[in-house]
């Protein structure tokens, strides 16, 4: 459960002191701002301090404010992959809302598109698909903003943003200088990059550059999509709408007013384990090993579907535990059934992890970021 990484620690007594005025009117620091409305789970307590960032200059100023007052720092985007504790966050939350128009350059058939961190991700995907450009169409309907996509190397239905990202511009929090990182420097892997592993807490992403080949056509590898388009050659915009339809059917499309959509998407990562684990699971369930769904993950490793493990451990769609539950449409989506607290969701998470580990000796890893104690 990755926590927020502080610039520096601060004592509760210090935090309650009267702070010096912000040295400029360029930014507005708010106090005690509820964070639940900024998350798709609609769960969480307040931020001690909160600042909406609409320009890179504001970001530098806000980080300087945090340093001056010895405040832990957390960067908030679309809030779609976040579980905030009931006590909130005892530091400064930076709400990244830099949303300038995208910039595009072409050279032959190569198209480079640069989008700022606060750009709505689905709107970005739609704009490309409407132009007939392939490369991110399978990532339609994923909530959040562009700035969060390289951090987790967002992926779905056979695509990852790492397939198209060439450059990431970010503020280096130690030097307060902006740097440009190449694809190789980001070290993308399954659901990870340097931003959420080796260099967690070092950078704040402000813009991302993607590269597309105008002549490339869609490549469908995911079973749901190949079945949907059996015998057809769909366009990017057709795949865009099909992906959103599939996500909606699984409760993975954020639709206001629908209970199944008060979630953070897939709550557990698909575990990567040694091939030998198949034999153990087969013995536990008394089924042939070749009946266990899995994918190769290199170096004698395999990836198992976490949803399948949950179901075999008794956690099926619609499962309820107090005010928290499992979506009626997707096993991996833990939901706020209306009045759930973070503690409610954590209790459900712990119950699932303990049972899956007891049965299969696999400890599932939480995918959403954990903010607060």
Protein backbone atom coordinates (compact mmCIF):
# COMPACT_ATOMS: atom_id res chain seq x y z
CA UNK A 1 0.00 0.00 0.00
CA UNK A 2 2.06 2.95 -1.18
CA UNK A 3 1.74 5.92 1.16
CA UNK A 4 2.27 9.57 0.39
CA UNK A 5 5.93 10.45 0.60
CA UNK A 6 6.57 13.55 2.71
CA UNK A 7 9.10 16.26 1.95
CA UNK A 8 9.71 16.37 5.68
CA UNK A 9 7.94 15.31 8.83
CA UNK A 10 6.01 17.74 11.00
CA UNK A 11 4.66 17.38 14.49
CA UNK A 12 0.93 17.80 15.12
CA UNK A 13 1.74 20.66 17.51
CA UNK A 14 3.63 22.49 14.77
CA UNK A 15 0.81 21.97 12.30
CA UNK A 16 -1.70 23.59 14.60
CA UNK A 17 0.37 26.74 14.86
CA UNK A 18 -0.55 29.87 12.94
CA UNK A 19 1.27 29.81 9.63
CA UNK A 20 2.93 32.75 7.95
CA UNK A 21 0.94 34.24 5.08
CA UNK A 22 1.66 32.77 1.67
CA UNK A 23 4.30 35.08 0.18
CA UNK A 24 2.39 35.64 -3.08
CA UNK A 25 -1.19 35.89 -4.27
CA UNK A 26 -0.46 33.56 -7.20
CA UNK A 27 -1.61 30.56 -5.19
CA UNK A 28 -4.41 30.01 -2.71
CA UNK A 29 -3.76 27.68 0.20
CA UNK A 30 -7.00 26.35 1.70
CA UNK A 31 -7.34 24.60 5.04
CA UNK A 32 -9.33 21.52 6.16
CA UNK A 33 -10.64 20.66 2.68
CA UNK A 34 -12.62 17.36 2.53
CA UNK A 35 -10.92 14.93 0.13
CA UNK A 36 -13.78 12.47 -0.38
CA UNK A 37 -15.36 14.57 -3.20
CA UNK A 38 -12.04 14.45 -5.06
CA UNK A 39 -11.98 10.63 -5.15
CA UNK A 40 -14.04 8.14 -7.13
CA UNK A 41 -14.55 6.09 -3.95
CA UNK A 42 -16.10 9.16 -2.25
CA UNK A 43 -14.22 8.21 0.92
CA UNK A 44 -11.75 10.07 3.12
CA UNK A 45 -11.17 12.82 5.64
CA UNK A 46 -9.84 16.35 5.07
CA UNK A 47 -6.51 17.70 3.89
CA UNK A 48 -4.85 19.95 6.46
CA UNK A 49 -3.85 22.20 3.54
CA UNK A 50 -5.01 22.10 -0.08
CA UNK A 51 -3.90 23.98 -3.20
CA UNK A 52 -5.25 23.81 -6.74
CA UNK A 53 -2.37 23.98 -9.23
CA UNK A 54 -3.13 25.47 -12.66
CA UNK A 55 0.39 26.40 -13.80
CA UNK A 56 3.96 25.20 -13.29
CA UNK A 57 4.88 28.43 -11.51
CA UNK A 58 2.12 27.76 -8.96
CA UNK A 59 3.51 24.28 -8.40
CA UNK A 60 6.94 25.64 -7.49
CA UNK A 61 5.39 28.18 -5.15
CA UNK A 62 3.20 25.60 -3.42
CA UNK A 63 6.11 23.20 -2.93
CA UNK A 64 8.14 26.08 -1.48
CA UNK A 65 5.26 26.75 0.95
CA UNK A 66 5.32 23.10 2.01
CA UNK A 67 9.06 23.24 2.57
CA UNK A 68 8.86 26.46 4.56
CA UNK A 69 6.29 24.94 6.91
CA UNK A 70 7.80 21.43 7.00
CA UNK A 71 4.65 19.87 5.53
CA UNK A 72 4.28 16.41 4.01
CA UNK A 73 3.18 16.68 0.37
CA UNK A 74 0.76 14.67 -1.73
CA UNK A 75 -0.05 15.11 -5.42
CA UNK A 76 -3.72 14.57 -6.33
CA UNK A 77 -4.94 14.08 -9.88
CA UNK A 78 -8.30 12.59 -10.76
CA UNK A 79 -8.56 10.63 -7.50
CA UNK A 80 -9.45 7.44 -9.33
CA UNK A 81 -6.73 5.29 -7.80
CA UNK A 82 -6.81 6.56 -4.25
CA UNK A 83 -8.03 5.48 -0.81
CA UNK A 84 -7.91 8.33 1.71
CA UNK A 85 -7.96 7.48 5.42
CA UNK A 86 -10.83 8.66 7.60
CA UNK A 87 -8.47 11.01 9.42
CA UNK A 88 -7.45 12.62 6.15
CA UNK A 89 -3.95 13.87 5.37
CA UNK A 90 -1.91 15.99 7.77
CA UNK A 91 -0.02 17.92 5.09
CA UNK A 92 -0.42 19.81 1.81
CA UNK A 93 -2.41 18.26 -1.04
CA UNK A 94 -1.57 19.59 -4.51
CA UNK A 95 -4.55 19.18 -6.82
CA UNK A 96 -2.98 19.08 -10.29
CA UNK A 97 -5.29 20.99 -12.61
CA UNK A 98 -2.85 22.20 -15.27
CA UNK A 99 -4.98 21.75 -18.38
CA UNK A 100 -3.58 23.68 -21.34
CA UNK A 101 -4.53 22.74 -24.92
CA UNK A 102 -2.58 19.77 -26.28
CA UNK A 103 0.37 20.51 -28.57
CA UNK A 104 1.01 18.31 -31.62
CA UNK A 105 3.92 18.06 -34.06
CA UNK A 106 4.28 15.77 -37.07
CA UNK A 107 7.22 14.39 -39.01
CA UNK A 108 6.18 12.11 -41.82
CA UNK A 109 3.75 9.59 -40.37
CA UNK A 110 4.92 10.20 -36.79
CA UNK A 111 2.70 12.30 -34.54
CA UNK A 112 3.93 13.63 -31.19
CA UNK A 113 1.25 14.93 -28.84
CA UNK A 114 2.01 16.72 -25.57
CA UNK A 115 -0.69 17.04 -22.90
CA UNK A 116 -0.52 18.75 -19.52
CA UNK A 117 -1.02 16.84 -16.27
CA UNK A 118 -4.55 18.07 -15.57
CA UNK A 119 -5.94 17.06 -18.96
CA UNK A 120 -8.84 14.62 -18.62
CA UNK A 121 -7.52 11.25 -19.77
CA UNK A 122 -10.68 9.96 -21.45
CA UNK A 123 -11.14 13.24 -23.35
CA UNK A 124 -7.53 12.93 -24.56
CA UNK A 125 -8.14 9.38 -25.79
CA UNK A 126 -11.38 10.39 -27.49
CA UNK A 127 -9.72 13.25 -29.38
CA UNK A 128 -7.12 10.87 -30.82
CA UNK A 129 -9.64 8.18 -31.73
CA UNK A 130 -11.83 10.72 -33.51
CA UNK A 131 -8.80 11.50 -35.72
CA UNK A 132 -8.37 7.80 -36.51
CA UNK A 133 -5.15 7.54 -34.51
CA UNK A 134 -4.42 4.21 -32.85
CA UNK A 135 -2.35 3.55 -29.76
CA UNK A 136 -4.49 4.33 -26.72
CA UNK A 137 -8.01 3.39 -27.86
CA UNK A 138 -8.12 0.40 -25.49
CA UNK A 139 -7.53 2.79 -22.57
CA UNK A 140 -10.85 4.57 -23.08
CA UNK A 141 -13.04 5.14 -20.05
CA UNK A 142 -10.20 5.03 -17.52
CA UNK A 143 -10.89 7.83 -15.04
CA UNK A 144 -8.27 10.33 -14.02
CA UNK A 145 -5.93 12.76 -15.69
CA UNK A 146 -2.94 12.56 -18.02
CA UNK A 147 -0.42 13.30 -15.25
CA UNK A 148 -1.25 10.11 -13.40
CA UNK A 149 -0.88 7.76 -16.35
CA UNK A 150 2.93 7.40 -16.42
CA UNK A 151 3.14 7.03 -12.65
CA UNK A 152 1.30 3.72 -12.61
CA UNK A 153 1.89 2.88 -16.28
CA UNK A 154 -1.87 2.72 -16.75
CA UNK A 155 -2.98 -0.22 -18.83
CA UNK A 156 -6.07 -2.17 -19.89
CA UNK A 157 -7.33 -4.48 -22.63
CA UNK A 158 -3.88 -5.20 -24.01
CA UNK A 159 -2.45 -1.66 -24.05
CA UNK A 160 -0.27 0.36 -21.68
CA UNK A 161 0.59 4.06 -21.80
CA UNK A 162 4.24 2.97 -21.85
CA UNK A 163 3.61 1.80 -25.42
CA UNK A 164 3.30 5.43 -26.55
CA UNK A 165 4.99 7.69 -23.95
CA UNK A 166 8.27 9.21 -25.12
CA UNK A 167 8.88 12.08 -22.67
CA UNK A 168 7.70 13.10 -19.20
CA UNK A 169 8.24 16.62 -17.88
CA UNK A 170 8.32 16.91 -14.11
CA UNK A 171 9.37 19.09 -11.22
CA UNK A 172 12.29 17.63 -9.27
CA UNK A 173 11.27 18.21 -5.67
CA UNK A 174 14.82 18.36 -4.31
CA UNK A 175 16.20 20.93 -6.77
CA UNK A 176 12.91 22.67 -7.65
CA UNK A 177 13.96 22.49 -11.30
CA UNK A 178 11.94 21.07 -14.15
CA UNK A 179 13.42 18.05 -15.90
CA UNK A 180 12.48 16.01 -18.96
CA UNK A 181 12.70 12.23 -18.58
CA UNK A 182 12.89 9.87 -21.55
CA UNK A 183 10.90 6.67 -21.93
CA UNK A 184 13.94 4.65 -20.87
CA UNK A 185 14.54 6.78 -17.78
CA UNK A 186 10.96 6.16 -16.61
CA UNK A 187 11.65 2.39 -16.40
CA UNK A 188 8.12 1.33 -17.15
CA UNK A 189 6.96 -2.13 -16.06
CA UNK A 190 3.63 -3.75 -15.21
CA UNK A 191 1.68 -1.04 -13.31
CA UNK A 192 4.89 0.68 -12.31
CA UNK A 193 7.55 3.25 -13.16
CA UNK A 194 10.26 5.10 -11.27
CA UNK A 195 7.54 7.50 -10.11
CA UNK A 196 5.89 4.90 -7.87
CA UNK A 197 8.92 2.73 -7.08
CA UNK A 198 12.60 3.74 -6.94
CA UNK A 199 11.98 7.51 -7.23
CA UNK A 200 8.68 7.76 -5.38
CA UNK A 201 8.21 11.24 -3.98
CA UNK A 202 11.00 12.80 -6.07
CA UNK A 203 9.01 14.17 -9.01
CA UNK A 204 5.69 15.86 -9.79
CA UNK A 205 4.59 15.22 -13.38
CA UNK A 206 3.42 18.34 -15.24
CA UNK A 207 3.15 17.13 -18.83
CA UNK A 208 3.52 13.99 -20.95
CA UNK A 209 4.47 13.54 -24.61
CA UNK A 210 3.02 10.60 -26.55
CA UNK A 211 4.14 9.32 -29.96
CA UNK A 212 1.83 7.71 -32.51
CA UNK A 213 2.30 6.21 -35.96
CA UNK A 214 -0.50 7.50 -38.18
CA UNK A 215 -0.25 4.41 -40.39
CA UNK A 216 -0.55 1.90 -37.53
CA UNK A 217 -3.85 0.12 -37.13
CA UNK A 218 -5.47 -1.22 -33.96
CA UNK A 219 -4.14 -4.49 -32.53
CA UNK A 220 -6.71 -6.41 -30.58
CA UNK A 221 -5.34 -8.96 -28.12
CA UNK A 222 -7.86 -8.89 -25.28
CA UNK A 223 -10.48 -11.66 -25.40
CA UNK A 224 -13.49 -9.40 -24.78
CA UNK A 225 -12.52 -7.20 -27.71
CA UNK A 226 -11.63 -9.98 -30.13
CA UNK A 227 -15.02 -11.56 -29.46
CA UNK A 228 -16.77 -8.21 -29.84
CA UNK A 229 -15.14 -7.56 -33.23
CA UNK A 230 -14.93 -11.14 -34.51
CA UNK A 231 -14.17 -11.04 -38.23
CA UNK A 232 -14.11 -7.23 -38.34
CA UNK A 233 -11.43 -4.57 -38.75
CA UNK A 234 -12.62 -1.85 -36.37
CA UNK A 235 -11.47 1.75 -36.36
CA UNK A 236 -10.00 3.40 -33.26
CA UNK A 237 -13.25 5.25 -32.52
CA UNK A 238 -15.24 2.02 -32.80
CA UNK A 239 -12.86 0.37 -30.32
CA UNK A 240 -13.14 3.41 -28.05
CA UNK A 241 -16.92 3.01 -27.81
CA UNK A 242 -16.69 -0.79 -27.46
CA UNK A 243 -14.20 -0.50 -24.58
CA UNK A 244 -16.42 1.97 -22.77
CA UNK A 245 -19.40 -0.35 -23.27
CA UNK A 246 -17.43 -3.31 -21.88
CA UNK A 247 -16.16 -1.26 -18.94
CA UNK A 248 -19.69 -0.10 -18.21
CA UNK A 249 -20.92 -3.69 -18.19
CA UNK A 250 -18.25 -4.52 -15.63
CA UNK A 251 -18.98 -1.49 -13.46
CA UNK A 252 -15.59 -0.02 -14.37
CA UNK A 253 -16.94 3.14 -15.95
CA UNK A 254 -17.52 6.02 -13.54
CA UNK A 255 -21.19 6.96 -13.84
CA UNK A 256 -22.59 9.31 -11.22
CA UNK A 257 -25.47 7.81 -9.27
CA UNK A 258 -24.57 4.16 -9.84
CA UNK A 259 -23.52 2.33 -6.69
CA UNK A 260 -21.13 -0.03 -8.48
CA UNK A 261 -19.19 2.97 -9.74
CA UNK A 262 -18.16 4.26 -6.31
CA UNK A 263 -14.90 2.36 -6.60
CA UNK A 264 -11.21 2.82 -7.35
CA UNK A 265 -11.29 0.38 -10.24
CA UNK A 266 -9.38 -2.86 -9.79
CA UNK A 267 -8.48 -2.93 -6.09
CA UNK A 268 -5.89 -5.72 -6.32
CA UNK A 269 -3.04 -6.24 -8.76
CA UNK A 270 -2.83 -9.47 -10.70
CA UNK A 271 -0.10 -11.35 -8.79
CA UNK A 272 3.07 -12.46 -10.58
CA UNK A 273 4.26 -15.76 -9.06
CA UNK A 274 6.51 -18.75 -9.86
CA UNK A 275 5.05 -21.34 -12.24
CA UNK A 276 5.26 -23.91 -9.43
CA UNK A 277 2.37 -22.14 -7.67
CA UNK A 278 0.01 -23.65 -10.27
CA UNK A 279 0.62 -27.11 -8.84
CA UNK A 280 -0.19 -25.95 -5.31
CA UNK A 281 -3.41 -24.20 -6.38
CA UNK A 282 -4.46 -27.22 -8.42
CA UNK A 283 -4.00 -29.46 -5.39
CA UNK A 284 -5.95 -27.08 -3.14
CA UNK A 285 -8.90 -26.84 -5.54
CA UNK A 286 -8.58 -30.44 -6.78
CA UNK A 287 -8.54 -29.38 -10.43
CA UNK A 288 -6.02 -29.91 -13.25
CA UNK A 289 -3.30 -27.25 -13.33
CA UNK A 290 -4.04 -26.49 -16.99
CA UNK A 291 -7.54 -25.35 -15.97
CA UNK A 292 -6.12 -22.45 -13.97
CA UNK A 293 -6.13 -19.20 -16.01
CA UNK A 294 -2.69 -17.60 -16.22
CA UNK A 295 -0.31 -15.77 -18.53
CA UNK A 296 3.47 -16.05 -18.93
CA UNK A 297 5.41 -13.29 -17.16
CA UNK A 298 8.98 -14.28 -18.07
CA UNK A 299 11.76 -16.03 -16.15
CA UNK A 300 9.61 -18.98 -15.07
CA UNK A 301 6.99 -16.60 -13.71
CA UNK A 302 3.28 -16.39 -14.44
CA UNK A 303 0.59 -13.82 -13.86
CA UNK A 304 -2.63 -14.99 -12.22
CA UNK A 305 -5.98 -13.16 -12.48
CA UNK A 306 -6.70 -11.73 -9.04
CA UNK A 307 -10.45 -11.79 -9.78
CA UNK A 308 -10.31 -15.58 -10.26
CA UNK A 309 -8.48 -16.01 -6.95
CA UNK A 310 -11.10 -13.92 -5.16
CA UNK A 311 -13.95 -15.94 -6.59
CA UNK A 312 -12.29 -19.25 -5.69
CA UNK A 313 -11.83 -17.93 -2.15
CA UNK A 314 -15.56 -17.18 -1.89
CA UNK A 315 -15.57 -13.45 -2.67
CA UNK A 316 -18.02 -13.24 -5.53
CA UNK A 317 -19.73 -10.32 -7.23
CA UNK A 318 -22.16 -8.59 -4.88
CA UNK A 319 -20.37 -9.76 -1.72
CA UNK A 320 -21.07 -7.40 1.19
CA UNK A 321 -19.29 -6.64 4.43
CA UNK A 322 -21.04 -3.83 6.24
CA UNK A 323 -21.03 -0.62 4.22
CA UNK A 324 -18.36 -1.92 1.85
CA UNK A 325 -18.72 -4.61 -0.76
CA UNK A 326 -17.71 -6.07 -4.09
CA UNK A 327 -19.26 -4.70 -7.27
CA UNK A 328 -22.16 -6.70 -8.66
CA UNK A 329 -20.45 -6.45 -12.06
CA UNK A 330 -16.74 -6.93 -11.40
CA UNK A 331 -15.06 -9.04 -8.74
CA UNK A 332 -11.99 -6.82 -8.42
CA UNK A 333 -13.88 -3.59 -7.76
CA UNK A 334 -14.37 -2.94 -4.05
CA UNK A 335 -17.13 -0.39 -3.63
CA UNK A 336 -18.50 2.15 -1.21
CA UNK A 337 -22.11 0.97 -0.82
CA UNK A 338 -23.22 4.44 0.22
CA UNK A 339 -21.88 5.34 3.65
CA UNK A 340 -18.64 3.39 3.82
CA UNK A 341 -15.66 4.73 5.68
CA UNK A 342 -12.04 4.01 4.82
CA UNK A 343 -12.00 1.64 7.80
CA UNK A 344 -14.94 -0.28 6.27
CA UNK A 345 -13.12 -0.71 2.98
CA UNK A 346 -9.89 -1.65 4.72
CA UNK A 347 -11.68 -4.30 6.74
CA UNK A 348 -13.02 -5.83 3.52
CA UNK A 349 -9.58 -5.61 1.93
CA UNK A 350 -7.92 -7.31 4.90
CA UNK A 351 -10.56 -10.06 4.99
CA UNK A 352 -9.98 -10.82 1.31
CA UNK A 353 -6.19 -10.74 1.56
CA UNK A 354 -6.14 -13.03 4.59
CA UNK A 355 -8.46 -15.62 3.05
CA UNK A 356 -6.68 -15.70 -0.34
CA UNK A 357 -3.33 -15.99 1.43
CA UNK A 358 -4.62 -18.76 3.71
CA UNK A 359 -5.94 -20.78 0.76
CA UNK A 360 -3.34 -20.17 -1.94
CA UNK A 361 -0.30 -18.68 -0.10
CA UNK A 362 -0.52 -15.57 -2.28
CA UNK A 363 -0.65 -12.13 -0.68
CA UNK A 364 -2.62 -9.83 -2.97
CA UNK A 365 -1.24 -6.32 -3.36
CA UNK A 366 -3.52 -3.31 -3.12
CA UNK A 367 -3.52 -1.23 -6.29
CA UNK A 368 -4.96 2.12 -5.10
CA UNK A 369 -2.61 4.50 -3.30
CA UNK A 370 -3.18 4.67 0.45
CA UNK A 371 -3.16 8.24 1.78
CA UNK A 372 -3.08 8.94 5.51
CA UNK A 373 -2.70 6.67 8.51
